[in-house]
Amino acid sequence: MFTELLSLCILVNTNTDHHTFCDFSGHVERVHIQVYENGWAEDKKKSFSINLGLADDLEPTRNYLTSLLKDTT
């Protein structure tokens, strides 16, 4: 579910130097996630960007976000 992905984004933001941006669009049941590894900067390109719907496979995104959290251990 999207709530797990959003929770992982919050954990990445609060526990690492990476920055995530998460947009939930309930009216179309989609979430857009962007990640800037080692922090956001005005001219920096995104490290990761994905738009997901409820029918999409969320596992690769979950695994990616979890891997960012492992950087802190």
Protein backbone atom coordinates (compact mmCIF):
# COMPACT_ATOMS: atom_id res chain seq x y z
CA MET A 1 0.00 0.00 0.00
CA PHE A 2 0.99 3.60 -0.49
CA THR A 3 1.12 4.27 3.24
CA GLU A 4 4.17 2.04 3.60
CA LEU A 5 5.98 3.85 0.79
CA LEU A 6 5.13 7.24 2.26
CA SER A 7 6.35 6.07 5.67
CA LEU A 8 9.61 4.89 4.13
CA CYS A 9 10.04 8.28 2.44
CA ILE A 10 9.61 10.01 5.79
CA LEU A 11 12.15 7.68 7.40
CA VAL A 12 14.65 8.34 4.62
CA ASN A 13 14.21 12.10 5.06
CA THR A 14 14.60 12.01 8.83
CA ASN A 15 17.36 9.40 9.15
CA THR A 16 19.65 9.92 6.15
CA ASP A 17 21.23 12.69 4.08
CA HIS A 18 18.92 11.75 1.18
CA HIS A 19 15.82 13.78 0.35
CA THR A 20 12.52 12.35 -0.85
CA PHE A 21 9.50 14.12 -2.30
CA CYS A 22 6.19 12.25 -2.19
CA ASP A 23 2.96 13.37 -3.81
CA PHE A 24 -0.26 11.44 -3.26
CA SER A 25 -3.16 12.01 -5.63
CA GLY A 26 -6.11 10.28 -4.03
CA HIS A 27 -8.54 11.18 -6.78
CA VAL A 28 -6.59 9.01 -9.25
CA GLU A 29 -5.08 6.60 -6.69
CA ARG A 30 -1.48 7.38 -7.59
CA VAL A 31 1.71 8.34 -5.78
CA HIS A 32 4.73 10.12 -7.26
CA ILE A 33 8.06 9.63 -5.47
CA GLN A 34 11.32 11.42 -6.21
CA VAL A 35 14.64 10.85 -4.47
CA TYR A 36 17.77 12.99 -4.41
CA GLU A 37 20.57 10.87 -3.01
CA ASN A 38 22.86 12.89 -0.72
CA GLY A 39 20.36 15.75 -0.65
CA TRP A 40 18.41 18.08 -2.90
CA ALA A 41 20.02 21.05 -4.63
CA GLU A 42 18.52 23.44 -7.16
CA ASP A 43 20.50 22.20 -10.16
CA LYS A 44 20.81 18.57 -9.09
CA LYS A 45 19.16 15.79 -11.08
CA LYS A 46 16.88 13.28 -9.38
CA SER A 47 18.43 9.94 -8.49
CA PHE A 48 15.05 8.20 -8.68
CA SER A 49 11.57 9.13 -9.87
CA ILE A 50 8.47 6.97 -10.22
CA ASN A 51 4.71 7.29 -10.59
CA LEU A 52 2.79 4.36 -9.15
CA GLY A 53 -0.83 3.26 -9.19
CA LEU A 54 -2.50 0.69 -6.95
CA ALA A 55 -2.19 -2.00 -9.63
CA ASP A 56 1.58 -1.42 -10.05
CA ASP A 57 4.27 -3.55 -8.44
CA LEU A 58 5.35 -1.53 -5.39
CA GLU A 59 8.06 -3.99 -4.30
CA PRO A 60 10.99 -2.52 -6.32
CA THR A 61 10.30 0.95 -4.92
CA ARG A 62 9.94 -0.45 -1.39
CA ASN A 63 13.28 -2.24 -1.81
CA TYR A 64 15.00 0.89 -3.12
CA LEU A 65 13.77 3.08 -0.25
CA THR A 66 14.72 0.40 2.28
CA SER A 67 18.22 0.22 0.77
CA LEU A 68 18.62 3.95 1.38
CA LEU A 69 17.84 3.38 5.06
CA LYS A 70 20.52 0.70 5.27
CA ASP A 71 23.09 3.39 4.43
CA THR A 72 22.67 4.67 7.99
CA THR A 73 23.70 1.47 9.75
